[in-house]
Amino acid sequence: MNKPVLLVVDDNPVNQKVVSALAERYGYVVVVVKSGREALDVLESREEPFHAILMDLNMPIMNGLECTKLIRELETSKNWRTPIIGVSAHTSDSCSRLCLAGGMDDYLSKPFDSSHFQSTLAHWTSGTNRPALRVLPNAPDSEENRESASA
């Protein structure tokens, strides 16, 4: 059986090492990028989705929420949906709600509790809990809607 593959998006080299070491300890293969732009480049070139993405919220140029929005747009053309887990040192419930409202599937606060880290990854990378692709309704001015409106 192949090991699940994670994409870690974090601009901080120390955080990259900590997250990678923990994930590898629990049997994951880790691909690390240091920016949202690099994450999008990697995703655009992949033939299959990662099992999950660990996304730092506070990165320069493109923060984690902006990157998540662009990933969700890209996923519609790829016909897949990858669980995105927001990562930040903020521990407030409002940060968690912000992640979920911004298109992420879960949230982990740093420093990590290793058992919570492991259970969160296991939850999202198991085949039964992977999120389904969300299909957006047709735009109001789409051809299909114009045809049904004129009928």
N, C-alpha and C. Protein backbone atom coordinates (compact mmCIF):
# COMPACT_ATOMS: atom_id res chain seq x y z
N MET A 1 0.84 -1.18 0.00
CA MET A 1 0.00 0.00 0.00
C MET A 1 0.88 1.24 0.00
N ASN A 2 0.54 2.21 -0.84
CA ASN A 2 1.31 3.45 -0.91
C ASN A 2 1.03 4.32 0.31
N LYS A 3 2.05 5.04 0.74
CA LYS A 3 1.89 5.97 1.85
C LYS A 3 1.13 7.20 1.37
N PRO A 4 0.28 7.77 2.26
CA PRO A 4 -0.40 9.01 1.88
C PRO A 4 0.60 10.16 1.74
N VAL A 5 0.32 11.06 0.80
CA VAL A 5 1.23 12.16 0.51
C VAL A 5 0.57 13.48 0.93
N LEU A 6 1.31 14.26 1.70
CA LEU A 6 0.85 15.55 2.19
C LEU A 6 1.61 16.67 1.51
N LEU A 7 0.94 17.77 1.27
CA LEU A 7 1.59 19.00 0.85
C LEU A 7 1.61 19.94 2.05
N VAL A 8 2.80 20.38 2.44
CA VAL A 8 2.96 21.34 3.53
C VAL A 8 3.31 22.68 2.91
N VAL A 9 2.49 23.69 3.20
CA VAL A 9 2.70 25.03 2.66
C VAL A 9 3.01 25.94 3.85
N ASP A 10 4.28 26.33 3.99
CA ASP A 10 4.71 27.15 5.13
C ASP A 10 5.99 27.88 4.76
N ASP A 11 6.05 29.15 5.06
CA ASP A 11 7.22 29.96 4.72
C ASP A 11 8.34 29.87 5.75
N ASN A 12 8.06 29.27 6.90
CA ASN A 12 9.04 29.21 7.98
C ASN A 12 9.78 27.87 7.95
N PRO A 13 11.11 27.88 7.76
CA PRO A 13 11.88 26.62 7.67
C PRO A 13 11.79 25.75 8.92
N VAL A 14 11.70 26.37 10.09
CA VAL A 14 11.58 25.58 11.33
C VAL A 14 10.24 24.86 11.36
N ASN A 15 9.18 25.58 11.03
CA ASN A 15 7.85 24.95 10.99
C ASN A 15 7.80 23.84 9.95
N GLN A 16 8.44 24.06 8.81
CA GLN A 16 8.49 23.04 7.77
C GLN A 16 9.11 21.75 8.32
N LYS A 17 10.21 21.89 9.04
CA LYS A 17 10.89 20.71 9.60
C LYS A 17 10.06 20.02 10.66
N VAL A 18 9.43 20.79 11.54
CA VAL A 18 8.62 20.21 12.61
C VAL A 18 7.43 19.44 12.03
N VAL A 19 6.70 20.08 11.11
CA VAL A 19 5.53 19.44 10.51
C VAL A 19 5.95 18.20 9.72
N SER A 20 7.03 18.31 8.95
CA SER A 20 7.50 17.17 8.16
C SER A 20 7.91 16.01 9.05
N ALA A 21 8.65 16.29 10.12
CA ALA A 21 9.11 15.23 11.02
C ALA A 21 7.93 14.52 11.67
N LEU A 22 6.95 15.28 12.13
CA LEU A 22 5.77 14.66 12.75
C LEU A 22 5.01 13.81 11.74
N ALA A 23 4.76 14.36 10.56
CA ALA A 23 4.00 13.63 9.55
C ALA A 23 4.74 12.36 9.12
N GLU A 24 6.03 12.48 8.91
CA GLU A 24 6.82 11.30 8.51
C GLU A 24 6.82 10.24 9.60
N ARG A 25 6.83 10.67 10.85
CA ARG A 25 6.77 9.73 11.97
C ARG A 25 5.50 8.89 11.90
N TYR A 26 4.42 9.48 11.41
CA TYR A 26 3.14 8.77 11.33
C TYR A 26 2.90 8.13 9.97
N GLY A 27 3.95 8.05 9.15
CA GLY A 27 3.86 7.28 7.91
C GLY A 27 3.47 8.04 6.67
N TYR A 28 3.55 9.35 6.70
CA TYR A 28 3.20 10.15 5.54
C TYR A 28 4.45 10.53 4.75
N VAL A 29 4.27 10.69 3.45
CA VAL A 29 5.30 11.27 2.59
C VAL A 29 4.96 12.76 2.54
N VAL A 30 5.98 13.61 2.63
CA VAL A 30 5.74 15.04 2.72
C VAL A 30 6.43 15.78 1.58
N VAL A 31 5.67 16.66 0.93
CA VAL A 31 6.19 17.59 -0.06
C VAL A 31 6.05 18.97 0.57
N VAL A 32 7.16 19.74 0.63
CA VAL A 32 7.15 21.04 1.29
C VAL A 32 7.37 22.14 0.26
N VAL A 33 6.54 23.18 0.35
CA VAL A 33 6.74 24.40 -0.43
C VAL A 33 6.68 25.58 0.53
N LYS A 34 7.30 26.68 0.12
CA LYS A 34 7.42 27.81 1.04
C LYS A 34 6.49 28.98 0.74
N SER A 35 5.59 28.81 -0.24
CA SER A 35 4.66 29.91 -0.54
C SER A 35 3.39 29.37 -1.19
N GLY A 36 2.37 30.21 -1.16
CA GLY A 36 1.13 29.85 -1.83
C GLY A 36 1.32 29.69 -3.33
N ARG A 37 2.14 30.53 -3.93
CA ARG A 37 2.40 30.44 -5.38
C ARG A 37 3.04 29.10 -5.72
N GLU A 38 4.01 28.68 -4.90
CA GLU A 38 4.65 27.37 -5.14
C GLU A 38 3.64 26.24 -4.98
N ALA A 39 2.74 26.37 -4.02
CA ALA A 39 1.72 25.34 -3.83
C ALA A 39 0.84 25.23 -5.07
N LEU A 40 0.42 26.36 -5.60
CA LEU A 40 -0.41 26.35 -6.81
C LEU A 40 0.34 25.76 -7.99
N ASP A 41 1.61 26.09 -8.12
CA ASP A 41 2.42 25.53 -9.22
C ASP A 41 2.50 24.01 -9.12
N VAL A 42 2.73 23.51 -7.91
CA VAL A 42 2.81 22.06 -7.71
C VAL A 42 1.47 21.40 -8.02
N LEU A 43 0.38 21.99 -7.53
CA LEU A 43 -0.94 21.41 -7.75
C LEU A 43 -1.34 21.43 -9.23
N GLU A 44 -1.00 22.50 -9.92
CA GLU A 44 -1.34 22.60 -11.34
C GLU A 44 -0.65 21.51 -12.17
N SER A 45 0.53 21.11 -11.74
CA SER A 45 1.28 20.13 -12.52
C SER A 45 1.01 18.68 -12.12
N ARG A 46 0.27 18.46 -11.04
CA ARG A 46 0.02 17.09 -10.56
C ARG A 46 -1.09 16.41 -11.34
N GLU A 47 -0.93 15.10 -11.48
CA GLU A 47 -1.94 14.28 -12.13
C GLU A 47 -2.99 13.78 -11.14
N GLU A 48 -2.63 13.75 -9.86
CA GLU A 48 -3.56 13.29 -8.83
C GLU A 48 -3.42 14.17 -7.60
N PRO A 49 -4.48 14.23 -6.78
CA PRO A 49 -4.42 15.12 -5.62
C PRO A 49 -3.52 14.58 -4.50
N PHE A 50 -3.10 15.47 -3.64
CA PHE A 50 -2.45 15.07 -2.40
C PHE A 50 -3.54 14.48 -1.51
N HIS A 51 -3.13 13.73 -0.49
CA HIS A 51 -4.12 13.21 0.44
C HIS A 51 -4.64 14.31 1.36
N ALA A 52 -3.80 15.31 1.63
CA ALA A 52 -4.21 16.48 2.42
C ALA A 52 -3.16 17.57 2.24
N ILE A 53 -3.58 18.80 2.54
CA ILE A 53 -2.69 19.95 2.50
C ILE A 53 -2.70 20.58 3.88
N LEU A 54 -1.50 20.82 4.43
CA LEU A 54 -1.36 21.58 5.67
C LEU A 54 -0.95 22.99 5.28
N MET A 55 -1.82 23.95 5.53
CA MET A 55 -1.67 25.31 5.02
C MET A 55 -1.45 26.32 6.15
N ASP A 56 -0.26 26.92 6.18
CA ASP A 56 0.00 28.01 7.12
C ASP A 56 -0.89 29.19 6.74
N LEU A 57 -1.45 29.84 7.74
CA LEU A 57 -2.34 30.97 7.46
C LEU A 57 -1.59 32.27 7.20
N ASN A 58 -0.46 32.45 7.88
CA ASN A 58 0.23 33.74 7.86
C ASN A 58 1.50 33.69 7.04
N MET A 59 1.34 33.78 5.73
CA MET A 59 2.50 33.81 4.84
C MET A 59 2.50 35.15 4.10
N PRO A 60 3.67 35.64 3.75
CA PRO A 60 3.72 36.89 2.99
C PRO A 60 3.24 36.69 1.55
N ILE A 61 2.90 37.74 0.90
CA ILE A 61 2.45 37.82 -0.49
C ILE A 61 1.07 37.19 -0.66
N MET A 62 0.93 35.89 -0.40
CA MET A 62 -0.36 35.21 -0.50
C MET A 62 -0.57 34.42 0.78
N ASN A 63 -1.54 34.84 1.59
CA ASN A 63 -1.77 34.10 2.85
C ASN A 63 -2.51 32.79 2.58
N GLY A 64 -2.66 32.00 3.62
CA GLY A 64 -3.27 30.68 3.48
C GLY A 64 -4.71 30.70 3.00
N LEU A 65 -5.47 31.71 3.42
CA LEU A 65 -6.86 31.79 2.97
C LEU A 65 -6.95 32.16 1.48
N GLU A 66 -6.09 33.07 1.04
CA GLU A 66 -6.07 33.42 -0.38
C GLU A 66 -5.65 32.22 -1.22
N CYS A 67 -4.66 31.50 -0.76
CA CYS A 67 -4.18 30.32 -1.48
C CYS A 67 -5.27 29.24 -1.52
N THR A 68 -5.97 29.06 -0.41
CA THR A 68 -7.05 28.07 -0.36
C THR A 68 -8.13 28.39 -1.40
N LYS A 69 -8.49 29.65 -1.50
CA LYS A 69 -9.50 30.06 -2.48
C LYS A 69 -9.05 29.69 -3.90
N LEU A 70 -7.80 29.96 -4.22
CA LEU A 70 -7.29 29.65 -5.55
C LEU A 70 -7.18 28.14 -5.77
N ILE A 71 -6.84 27.40 -4.73
CA ILE A 71 -6.79 25.94 -4.84
C ILE A 71 -8.19 25.40 -5.13
N ARG A 72 -9.20 25.91 -4.42
CA ARG A 72 -10.57 25.44 -4.65
C ARG A 72 -11.01 25.72 -6.08
N GLU A 73 -10.61 26.86 -6.63
CA GLU A 73 -10.93 27.16 -8.02
C GLU A 73 -10.23 26.19 -8.97
N LEU A 74 -8.96 25.92 -8.71
CA LEU A 74 -8.19 24.99 -9.53
C LEU A 74 -8.78 23.58 -9.47
N GLU A 75 -9.24 23.19 -8.30
CA GLU A 75 -9.77 21.83 -8.14
C GLU A 75 -10.99 21.56 -9.01
N THR A 76 -11.76 22.58 -9.31
CA THR A 76 -12.93 22.33 -10.16
C THR A 76 -12.51 21.87 -11.55
N SER A 77 -11.40 22.39 -12.05
CA SER A 77 -10.92 21.95 -13.37
C SER A 77 -10.23 20.59 -13.29
N LYS A 78 -9.72 20.24 -12.13
CA LYS A 78 -9.05 18.95 -11.94
C LYS A 78 -10.05 17.85 -11.56
N ASN A 79 -11.25 18.25 -11.15
CA ASN A 79 -12.29 17.32 -10.71
C ASN A 79 -11.87 16.50 -9.49
N TRP A 80 -11.23 17.18 -8.55
CA TRP A 80 -10.91 16.55 -7.27
C TRP A 80 -11.06 17.58 -6.17
N ARG A 81 -11.05 17.13 -4.92
CA ARG A 81 -11.09 18.03 -3.77
C ARG A 81 -10.19 17.47 -2.70
N THR A 82 -9.23 18.28 -2.29
CA THR A 82 -8.23 17.87 -1.30
C THR A 82 -8.57 18.49 0.05
N PRO A 83 -8.53 17.72 1.12
CA PRO A 83 -8.72 18.33 2.44
C PRO A 83 -7.59 19.33 2.72
N ILE A 84 -7.96 20.53 3.13
CA ILE A 84 -6.98 21.55 3.51
C ILE A 84 -7.14 21.82 4.99
N ILE A 85 -6.04 21.67 5.70
CA ILE A 85 -6.03 21.89 7.15
C ILE A 85 -5.24 23.15 7.43
N GLY A 86 -5.90 24.16 7.96
CA GLY A 86 -5.24 25.41 8.30
C GLY A 86 -4.34 25.22 9.50
N VAL A 87 -3.21 25.92 9.50
CA VAL A 87 -2.24 25.81 10.58
C VAL A 87 -1.83 27.22 11.00
N SER A 88 -1.91 27.51 12.30
CA SER A 88 -1.52 28.81 12.82
C SER A 88 -1.22 28.72 14.30
N ALA A 89 -0.49 29.69 14.81
CA ALA A 89 -0.22 29.77 16.25
C ALA A 89 -1.42 30.34 17.00
N HIS A 90 -2.37 30.90 16.29
CA HIS A 90 -3.57 31.45 16.95
C HIS A 90 -4.44 30.29 17.43
N THR A 91 -4.91 30.39 18.65
CA THR A 91 -5.68 29.29 19.23
C THR A 91 -7.16 29.63 19.39
N SER A 92 -7.59 30.77 18.92
CA SER A 92 -8.97 31.19 19.15
C SER A 92 -9.95 30.42 18.27
N ASP A 93 -11.18 30.33 18.75
CA ASP A 93 -12.24 29.71 17.96
C ASP A 93 -12.52 30.53 16.70
N SER A 94 -12.32 31.84 16.78
CA SER A 94 -12.58 32.68 15.61
C SER A 94 -11.61 32.35 14.47
N CYS A 95 -10.39 31.97 14.79
CA CYS A 95 -9.43 31.59 13.75
C CYS A 95 -9.88 30.29 13.08
N SER A 96 -10.34 29.36 13.88
CA SER A 96 -10.85 28.11 13.33
C SER A 96 -12.06 28.35 12.44
N ARG A 97 -12.97 29.20 12.89
CA ARG A 97 -14.15 29.52 12.08
C ARG A 97 -13.76 30.22 10.78
N LEU A 98 -12.77 31.10 10.86
CA LEU A 98 -12.28 31.80 9.66
C LEU A 98 -11.75 30.80 8.63
N CYS A 99 -11.01 29.80 9.09
CA CYS A 99 -10.49 28.77 8.19
C CYS A 99 -11.61 28.01 7.51
N LEU A 100 -12.59 27.58 8.28
CA LEU A 100 -13.70 26.82 7.72
C LEU A 100 -14.51 27.67 6.75
N ALA A 101 -14.75 28.93 7.09
CA ALA A 101 -15.50 29.82 6.21
C ALA A 101 -14.71 30.12 4.93
N GLY A 102 -13.37 30.04 5.01
CA GLY A 102 -12.53 30.33 3.87
C GLY A 102 -12.27 29.13 2.96
N GLY A 103 -12.95 28.01 3.21
CA GLY A 103 -12.83 26.86 2.33
C GLY A 103 -11.93 25.75 2.83
N MET A 104 -11.36 25.93 4.01
CA MET A 104 -10.54 24.86 4.59
C MET A 104 -11.46 23.85 5.26
N ASP A 105 -10.93 22.68 5.53
CA ASP A 105 -11.74 21.61 6.11
C ASP A 105 -11.52 21.43 7.61
N ASP A 106 -10.39 21.91 8.10
CA ASP A 106 -10.07 21.72 9.52
C ASP A 106 -9.00 22.73 9.92
N TYR A 107 -8.63 22.71 11.18
CA TYR A 107 -7.68 23.68 11.70
C TYR A 107 -6.84 23.03 12.81
N LEU A 108 -5.54 23.29 12.78
CA LEU A 108 -4.63 22.86 13.85
C LEU A 108 -3.87 24.08 14.35
N SER A 109 -3.78 24.21 15.67
CA SER A 109 -3.01 25.32 16.21
C SER A 109 -1.64 24.82 16.68
N LYS A 110 -0.64 25.69 16.49
CA LYS A 110 0.73 25.39 16.91
C LYS A 110 0.93 25.95 18.32
N PRO A 111 1.73 25.33 19.14
CA PRO A 111 2.44 24.08 18.88
C PRO A 111 1.47 22.90 18.88
N PHE A 112 1.80 21.89 18.10
CA PHE A 112 0.93 20.74 17.93
C PHE A 112 0.99 19.79 19.13
N ASP A 113 -0.17 19.28 19.47
CA ASP A 113 -0.26 18.10 20.32
C ASP A 113 -0.13 16.93 19.34
N SER A 114 0.89 16.10 19.51
CA SER A 114 1.18 15.08 18.50
C SER A 114 0.03 14.11 18.28
N SER A 115 -0.70 13.74 19.33
CA SER A 115 -1.80 12.80 19.12
C SER A 115 -2.95 13.48 18.37
N HIS A 116 -3.21 14.76 18.64
CA HIS A 116 -4.25 15.48 17.91
C HIS A 116 -3.83 15.68 16.44
N PHE A 117 -2.56 15.96 16.23
CA PHE A 117 -2.02 16.10 14.88
C PHE A 117 -2.25 14.79 14.11
N GLN A 118 -1.88 13.68 14.74
CA GLN A 118 -2.01 12.37 14.10
C GLN A 118 -3.48 12.04 13.81
N SER A 119 -4.35 12.27 14.77
CA SER A 119 -5.76 11.92 14.57
C SER A 119 -6.42 12.80 13.52
N THR A 120 -6.03 14.07 13.45
CA THR A 120 -6.57 14.97 12.43
C THR A 120 -6.15 14.52 11.03
N LEU A 121 -4.87 14.20 10.87
CA LEU A 121 -4.41 13.72 9.56
C LEU A 121 -5.09 12.40 9.21
N ALA A 122 -5.18 11.50 10.16
CA ALA A 122 -5.81 10.20 9.89
C ALA A 122 -7.27 10.39 9.48
N HIS A 123 -7.95 11.30 10.14
CA HIS A 123 -9.35 11.56 9.81
C HIS A 123 -9.51 12.00 8.36
N TRP A 124 -8.67 12.94 7.92
CA TRP A 124 -8.83 13.52 6.59
C TRP A 124 -8.18 12.70 5.47
N THR A 125 -7.26 11.84 5.80
CA THR A 125 -6.59 11.08 4.74
C THR A 125 -7.17 9.69 4.56
N SER A 126 -8.06 9.28 5.44
CA SER A 126 -8.71 7.98 5.22
C SER A 126 -9.73 8.13 4.11
N GLY A 127 -9.92 7.11 3.35
CA GLY A 127 -10.82 7.16 2.21
C GLY A 127 -12.25 7.52 2.56
N THR A 128 -12.69 7.20 3.76
CA THR A 128 -14.09 7.43 4.11
C THR A 128 -14.38 8.87 4.50
N ASN A 129 -13.38 9.64 4.86
CA ASN A 129 -13.62 11.01 5.31
C ASN A 129 -13.17 12.08 4.33
N ARG A 130 -12.70 11.68 3.17
CA ARG A 130 -12.26 12.68 2.19
C ARG A 130 -13.47 13.48 1.73
N PRO A 131 -13.34 14.79 1.66
CA PRO A 131 -14.49 15.61 1.27
C PRO A 131 -14.84 15.40 -0.19
N ALA A 132 -16.13 15.50 -0.47
CA ALA A 132 -16.60 15.36 -1.85
C ALA A 132 -16.38 16.66 -2.60
N LEU A 133 -16.23 16.55 -3.90
CA LEU A 133 -16.11 17.73 -4.74
C LEU A 133 -17.42 18.49 -4.66
N ARG A 134 -17.32 19.78 -4.38
CA ARG A 134 -18.51 20.61 -4.32
C ARG A 134 -18.77 21.20 -5.70
N VAL A 135 -19.92 20.90 -6.25
CA VAL A 135 -20.28 21.42 -7.56
C VAL A 135 -21.10 22.69 -7.34
N LEU A 136 -20.63 23.78 -7.92
CA LEU A 136 -21.32 25.05 -7.79
C LEU A 136 -22.51 25.08 -8.73
N PRO A 137 -23.59 25.77 -8.33
CA PRO A 137 -24.74 25.87 -9.23
C PRO A 137 -24.37 26.68 -10.47
N ASN A 138 -25.15 26.49 -11.53
CA ASN A 138 -24.89 27.23 -12.76
C ASN A 138 -25.00 28.72 -12.51
N ALA A 139 -24.16 29.47 -13.18
CA ALA A 139 -24.21 30.92 -13.08
C ALA A 139 -25.53 31.41 -13.67
N PRO A 140 -26.09 32.52 -13.18
CA PRO A 140 -27.39 33.01 -13.68
C PRO A 140 -27.40 33.26 -15.18
N ASP A 141 -26.27 33.62 -15.76
CA ASP A 141 -26.25 33.93 -17.17
C ASP A 141 -25.72 32.77 -18.02
N SER A 142 -25.69 31.57 -17.47
CA SER A 142 -25.19 30.43 -18.24
C SER A 142 -26.19 30.04 -19.32
N GLU A 143 -25.70 29.38 -20.35
CA GLU A 143 -26.52 28.95 -21.47
C GLU A 143 -27.70 28.08 -20.99
N GLU A 144 -27.40 27.15 -20.07
CA GLU A 144 -28.42 26.24 -19.58
C GLU A 144 -29.54 27.00 -18.87
N ASN A 145 -29.18 27.99 -18.05
CA ASN A 145 -30.19 28.76 -17.34
C ASN A 145 -31.01 29.64 -18.28
N ARG A 146 -30.37 30.19 -19.31
CA ARG A 146 -31.11 31.01 -20.27
C ARG A 146 -32.12 30.15 -21.02
N GLU A 147 -31.73 28.91 -21.37
CA GLU A 147 -32.64 28.01 -22.08
C GLU A 147 -33.84 27.64 -21.21
N SER A 148 -33.57 27.29 -19.93
CA SER A 148 -34.69 26.90 -19.06
C SER A 148 -35.59 28.08 -18.72
N ALA A 149 -35.02 29.28 -18.69
CA ALA A 149 -35.82 30.48 -18.38
C ALA A 149 -36.73 30.84 -19.55
N SER A 150 -36.28 30.54 -20.76
CA SER A 150 -37.10 30.89 -21.94
C SER A 150 -38.13 29.84 -22.27
N ALA A 151 -38.07 28.69 -21.61
CA ALA A 151 -39.01 27.60 -21.92
C ALA A 151 -40.36 27.82 -21.29
